[in-house]
Amino acid sequence: MSYPIPSKLWQRVSILILLLLIPSLGIAVLNQSFIVTALANQNNPSKTIAVNDPNYKALQTLVKNYSCLVTVPNFEKLPINRTEFANILNSCISQINQLSTIDTNL
């Protein structure tokens, strides 16, 4: 005689068994949840990005190479916050998209 197992309990047990049988999958799931939590904690727009930061220098290169619109005063001399960085990067992406559209239409 067999006893029926409630479906929610069976789902939990089957997921647990799957994670135990395939350790790399379990580790990947744990790492992914940790990364999402870590990224959620990094949403501090007041943190500044220094002029000597490699990301700042890469953004400066994009601005120079693609003539991106920058609304931040003294962009090349002063640190910027994450929101300003994102706005400038978005402007550069838009500019690159426009240039690539023009090139493909020729």
N, C-alpha and C. Protein backbone atom coordinates (compact mmCIF):
# COMPACT_ATOMS: atom_id res chain seq x y z
N MET A 1 0.84 -1.16 0.00
CA MET A 1 0.00 0.00 0.00
C MET A 1 0.90 1.24 0.00
N SER A 2 0.53 2.24 -0.83
CA SER A 2 1.31 3.46 -0.88
C SER A 2 0.53 4.61 -0.25
N TYR A 3 1.27 5.51 0.33
CA TYR A 3 0.65 6.67 0.97
C TYR A 3 0.86 7.89 0.09
N PRO A 4 -0.19 8.66 -0.17
CA PRO A 4 -0.02 9.87 -1.00
C PRO A 4 0.76 10.94 -0.25
N ILE A 5 1.61 11.61 -0.97
CA ILE A 5 2.41 12.70 -0.40
C ILE A 5 1.78 14.01 -0.87
N PRO A 6 1.52 14.94 0.04
CA PRO A 6 0.97 16.23 -0.37
C PRO A 6 1.88 16.90 -1.40
N SER A 7 1.28 17.55 -2.38
CA SER A 7 2.05 18.06 -3.52
C SER A 7 3.08 19.12 -3.13
N LYS A 8 2.75 20.04 -2.22
CA LYS A 8 3.71 21.08 -1.85
C LYS A 8 4.91 20.47 -1.13
N LEU A 9 4.65 19.51 -0.26
CA LEU A 9 5.75 18.85 0.43
C LEU A 9 6.60 18.10 -0.58
N TRP A 10 5.98 17.44 -1.53
CA TRP A 10 6.71 16.70 -2.54
C TRP A 10 7.57 17.64 -3.39
N GLN A 11 7.06 18.82 -3.71
CA GLN A 11 7.83 19.79 -4.49
C GLN A 11 9.06 20.24 -3.71
N ARG A 12 8.88 20.51 -2.44
CA ARG A 12 10.01 20.95 -1.63
C ARG A 12 11.05 19.86 -1.50
N VAL A 13 10.59 18.64 -1.27
CA VAL A 13 11.51 17.52 -1.11
C VAL A 13 12.24 17.26 -2.43
N SER A 14 11.52 17.32 -3.54
CA SER A 14 12.16 17.04 -4.83
C SER A 14 13.20 18.11 -5.18
N ILE A 15 12.92 19.36 -4.85
CA ILE A 15 13.91 20.42 -5.10
C ILE A 15 15.13 20.21 -4.22
N LEU A 16 14.91 19.87 -2.97
CA LEU A 16 16.02 19.62 -2.05
C LEU A 16 16.86 18.44 -2.54
N ILE A 17 16.21 17.38 -2.96
CA ILE A 17 16.94 16.21 -3.46
C ILE A 17 17.74 16.58 -4.71
N LEU A 18 17.15 17.35 -5.59
CA LEU A 18 17.85 17.78 -6.80
C LEU A 18 19.08 18.60 -6.45
N LEU A 19 18.95 19.50 -5.50
CA LEU A 19 20.09 20.33 -5.10
C LEU A 19 21.18 19.50 -4.42
N LEU A 20 20.79 18.46 -3.70
CA LEU A 20 21.77 17.59 -3.06
C LEU A 20 22.46 16.68 -4.06
N LEU A 21 21.73 16.22 -5.05
CA LEU A 21 22.31 15.32 -6.05
C LEU A 21 23.23 16.05 -7.02
N ILE A 22 22.92 17.29 -7.29
CA ILE A 22 23.74 18.07 -8.21
C ILE A 22 24.29 19.27 -7.43
N PRO A 23 25.41 19.07 -6.74
CA PRO A 23 25.93 20.14 -5.87
C PRO A 23 26.25 21.43 -6.61
N SER A 24 26.72 21.32 -7.84
CA SER A 24 27.06 22.54 -8.56
C SER A 24 25.83 23.40 -8.81
N LEU A 25 24.69 22.77 -9.05
CA LEU A 25 23.44 23.51 -9.23
C LEU A 25 23.05 24.21 -7.93
N GLY A 26 23.19 23.51 -6.82
CA GLY A 26 22.88 24.10 -5.53
C GLY A 26 23.77 25.29 -5.22
N ILE A 27 25.05 25.15 -5.54
CA ILE A 27 25.99 26.25 -5.30
C ILE A 27 25.65 27.43 -6.21
N ALA A 28 25.30 27.15 -7.46
CA ALA A 28 24.94 28.23 -8.39
C ALA A 28 23.71 28.98 -7.90
N VAL A 29 22.72 28.25 -7.39
CA VAL A 29 21.50 28.90 -6.88
C VAL A 29 21.84 29.76 -5.68
N LEU A 30 22.67 29.25 -4.78
CA LEU A 30 23.05 30.04 -3.61
C LEU A 30 23.86 31.26 -4.02
N ASN A 31 24.79 31.10 -4.95
CA ASN A 31 25.59 32.23 -5.41
C ASN A 31 24.72 33.28 -6.08
N GLN A 32 23.77 32.86 -6.88
CA GLN A 32 22.91 33.81 -7.57
C GLN A 32 22.09 34.62 -6.58
N SER A 33 21.54 33.97 -5.57
CA SER A 33 20.75 34.71 -4.59
C SER A 33 21.63 35.66 -3.80
N PHE A 34 22.88 35.27 -3.53
CA PHE A 34 23.80 36.15 -2.83
C PHE A 34 24.14 37.36 -3.69
N ILE A 35 24.37 37.14 -4.97
CA ILE A 35 24.72 38.24 -5.87
C ILE A 35 23.56 39.23 -5.98
N VAL A 36 22.35 38.73 -6.09
CA VAL A 36 21.19 39.61 -6.17
C VAL A 36 21.07 40.44 -4.91
N THR A 37 21.28 39.82 -3.75
CA THR A 37 21.22 40.54 -2.49
C THR A 37 22.33 41.58 -2.42
N ALA A 38 23.52 41.21 -2.85
CA ALA A 38 24.64 42.15 -2.82
C ALA A 38 24.38 43.33 -3.74
N LEU A 39 23.84 43.08 -4.92
CA LEU A 39 23.54 44.17 -5.84
C LEU A 39 22.45 45.08 -5.30
N ALA A 40 21.48 44.52 -4.61
CA ALA A 40 20.41 45.33 -4.05
C ALA A 40 20.95 46.26 -2.97
N ASN A 41 21.99 45.84 -2.28
CA ASN A 41 22.56 46.67 -1.23
C ASN A 41 23.48 47.75 -1.78
N GLN A 42 23.82 47.69 -3.06
CA GLN A 42 24.75 48.66 -3.63
C GLN A 42 24.06 49.84 -4.29
N ASN A 43 22.79 50.00 -4.10
CA ASN A 43 22.05 51.09 -4.76
C ASN A 43 22.15 52.38 -3.97
N ASN A 44 23.34 52.84 -3.75
CA ASN A 44 23.57 54.07 -3.03
C ASN A 44 24.00 55.14 -4.04
N PRO A 45 23.07 55.99 -4.49
CA PRO A 45 23.41 56.95 -5.54
C PRO A 45 24.37 58.04 -5.08
N SER A 46 24.57 58.19 -3.78
CA SER A 46 25.45 59.25 -3.31
C SER A 46 26.92 58.86 -3.36
N LYS A 47 27.23 57.59 -3.59
CA LYS A 47 28.62 57.17 -3.67
C LYS A 47 29.25 57.75 -4.93
N THR A 48 30.41 58.37 -4.77
CA THR A 48 31.04 59.01 -5.92
C THR A 48 32.03 58.08 -6.59
N ILE A 49 32.25 58.34 -7.86
CA ILE A 49 33.23 57.60 -8.65
C ILE A 49 34.37 58.57 -8.92
N ALA A 50 35.55 58.21 -8.43
CA ALA A 50 36.70 59.10 -8.52
C ALA A 50 37.21 59.22 -9.95
N VAL A 51 37.92 60.30 -10.20
CA VAL A 51 38.45 60.57 -11.54
C VAL A 51 39.47 59.51 -11.95
N ASN A 52 40.21 58.96 -10.99
CA ASN A 52 41.22 57.96 -11.32
C ASN A 52 40.67 56.53 -11.37
N ASP A 53 39.37 56.35 -11.18
CA ASP A 53 38.74 55.03 -11.27
C ASP A 53 38.76 54.55 -12.72
N PRO A 54 39.07 53.27 -12.97
CA PRO A 54 39.10 52.76 -14.35
C PRO A 54 37.76 52.91 -15.08
N ASN A 55 36.66 52.77 -14.36
CA ASN A 55 35.35 52.95 -14.98
C ASN A 55 35.14 54.39 -15.43
N TYR A 56 35.61 55.32 -14.64
CA TYR A 56 35.51 56.74 -14.97
C TYR A 56 36.33 57.04 -16.23
N LYS A 57 37.54 56.48 -16.27
CA LYS A 57 38.40 56.69 -17.44
C LYS A 57 37.80 56.08 -18.70
N ALA A 58 37.18 54.91 -18.55
CA ALA A 58 36.53 54.28 -19.70
C ALA A 58 35.37 55.13 -20.20
N LEU A 59 34.63 55.71 -19.27
CA LEU A 59 33.52 56.59 -19.65
C LEU A 59 34.04 57.85 -20.35
N GLN A 60 35.15 58.39 -19.86
CA GLN A 60 35.75 59.55 -20.51
C GLN A 60 36.16 59.22 -21.95
N THR A 61 36.70 58.02 -22.15
CA THR A 61 37.09 57.59 -23.49
C THR A 61 35.88 57.49 -24.41
N LEU A 62 34.79 56.92 -23.90
CA LEU A 62 33.56 56.84 -24.69
C LEU A 62 33.06 58.23 -25.07
N VAL A 63 33.08 59.15 -24.11
CA VAL A 63 32.60 60.51 -24.36
C VAL A 63 33.44 61.17 -25.45
N LYS A 64 34.76 60.99 -25.39
CA LYS A 64 35.65 61.61 -26.39
C LYS A 64 35.48 60.96 -27.76
N ASN A 65 35.42 59.63 -27.80
CA ASN A 65 35.38 58.93 -29.09
C ASN A 65 34.06 59.09 -29.82
N TYR A 66 32.96 59.19 -29.09
CA TYR A 66 31.64 59.22 -29.72
C TYR A 66 30.91 60.54 -29.54
N SER A 67 31.56 61.55 -29.01
CA SER A 67 30.97 62.88 -28.83
C SER A 67 29.63 62.81 -28.09
N CYS A 68 29.65 62.16 -26.95
CA CYS A 68 28.43 61.99 -26.16
C CYS A 68 28.06 63.31 -25.48
N LEU A 69 26.77 63.50 -25.28
CA LEU A 69 26.26 64.68 -24.61
C LEU A 69 26.47 64.52 -23.10
N VAL A 70 27.21 65.45 -22.51
CA VAL A 70 27.48 65.40 -21.07
C VAL A 70 26.92 66.66 -20.44
N THR A 71 26.03 66.48 -19.47
CA THR A 71 25.41 67.63 -18.80
C THR A 71 26.02 67.90 -17.43
N VAL A 72 27.04 67.15 -17.08
CA VAL A 72 27.69 67.33 -15.78
C VAL A 72 28.80 68.36 -15.93
N PRO A 73 28.77 69.43 -15.13
CA PRO A 73 29.83 70.44 -15.23
C PRO A 73 31.17 69.87 -14.75
N ASN A 74 32.24 70.25 -15.43
CA ASN A 74 33.60 69.81 -15.08
C ASN A 74 33.71 68.29 -15.02
N PHE A 75 33.14 67.62 -16.00
CA PHE A 75 33.10 66.15 -16.00
C PHE A 75 34.50 65.55 -15.95
N GLU A 76 35.44 66.14 -16.64
CA GLU A 76 36.77 65.52 -16.73
C GLU A 76 37.65 65.82 -15.52
N LYS A 77 37.19 66.67 -14.62
CA LYS A 77 38.04 67.07 -13.50
C LYS A 77 37.50 66.68 -12.13
N LEU A 78 36.18 66.50 -12.02
CA LEU A 78 35.57 66.23 -10.72
C LEU A 78 34.95 64.85 -10.66
N PRO A 79 34.92 64.23 -9.47
CA PRO A 79 34.23 62.94 -9.34
C PRO A 79 32.73 63.11 -9.57
N ILE A 80 32.09 62.02 -9.98
CA ILE A 80 30.65 62.04 -10.22
C ILE A 80 29.99 60.94 -9.40
N ASN A 81 28.68 61.08 -9.16
CA ASN A 81 27.99 60.01 -8.43
C ASN A 81 27.47 58.98 -9.43
N ARG A 82 26.90 57.92 -8.90
CA ARG A 82 26.46 56.80 -9.76
C ARG A 82 25.34 57.20 -10.71
N THR A 83 24.46 58.06 -10.26
CA THR A 83 23.36 58.50 -11.11
C THR A 83 23.89 59.29 -12.30
N GLU A 84 24.83 60.20 -12.05
CA GLU A 84 25.44 60.96 -13.14
C GLU A 84 26.18 60.03 -14.10
N PHE A 85 26.89 59.06 -13.53
CA PHE A 85 27.61 58.09 -14.35
C PHE A 85 26.64 57.35 -15.27
N ALA A 86 25.52 56.90 -14.71
CA ALA A 86 24.52 56.17 -15.50
C ALA A 86 23.92 57.05 -16.59
N ASN A 87 23.67 58.32 -16.28
CA ASN A 87 23.11 59.24 -17.28
C ASN A 87 24.08 59.47 -18.44
N ILE A 88 25.35 59.64 -18.12
CA ILE A 88 26.35 59.85 -19.17
C ILE A 88 26.50 58.58 -20.00
N LEU A 89 26.54 57.43 -19.35
CA LEU A 89 26.65 56.16 -20.07
C LEU A 89 25.44 55.95 -20.98
N ASN A 90 24.27 56.28 -20.49
CA ASN A 90 23.05 56.17 -21.31
C ASN A 90 23.13 57.09 -22.53
N SER A 91 23.64 58.28 -22.33
CA SER A 91 23.82 59.21 -23.45
C SER A 91 24.78 58.64 -24.48
N CYS A 92 25.86 58.03 -24.02
CA CYS A 92 26.83 57.43 -24.94
C CYS A 92 26.23 56.26 -25.70
N ILE A 93 25.46 55.44 -25.02
CA ILE A 93 24.82 54.30 -25.68
C ILE A 93 23.85 54.79 -26.75
N SER A 94 23.10 55.83 -26.44
CA SER A 94 22.17 56.40 -27.43
C SER A 94 22.93 56.94 -28.64
N GLN A 95 24.03 57.62 -28.38
CA GLN A 95 24.85 58.18 -29.46
C GLN A 95 25.43 57.07 -30.33
N ILE A 96 25.93 56.01 -29.71
CA ILE A 96 26.49 54.89 -30.46
C ILE A 96 25.41 54.22 -31.30
N ASN A 97 24.22 54.06 -30.73
CA ASN A 97 23.10 53.47 -31.48
C ASN A 97 22.73 54.33 -32.69
N GLN A 98 22.71 55.64 -32.50
CA GLN A 98 22.39 56.54 -33.62
C GLN A 98 23.46 56.45 -34.71
N LEU A 99 24.72 56.42 -34.29
CA LEU A 99 25.80 56.33 -35.28
C LEU A 99 25.77 55.00 -36.03
N SER A 100 25.45 53.92 -35.32
CA SER A 100 25.39 52.62 -36.00
C SER A 100 24.20 52.55 -36.94
N THR A 101 23.11 53.22 -36.62
CA THR A 101 21.94 53.26 -37.51
C THR A 101 22.27 54.05 -38.77
N ILE A 102 22.99 55.14 -38.61
CA ILE A 102 23.39 55.95 -39.77
C ILE A 102 24.32 55.15 -40.67
N ASP A 103 25.27 54.41 -40.07
CA ASP A 103 26.22 53.62 -40.85
C ASP A 103 25.54 52.50 -41.63
N THR A 104 24.55 51.88 -41.05
CA THR A 104 23.88 50.77 -41.74
C THR A 104 22.95 51.26 -42.84
N ASN A 105 22.50 52.51 -42.74
CA ASN A 105 21.60 53.04 -43.77
C ASN A 105 22.34 53.55 -45.00
N LEU A 106 23.65 53.70 -44.90
CA LEU A 106 24.42 54.21 -46.06
C LEU A 106 24.65 53.15 -47.08
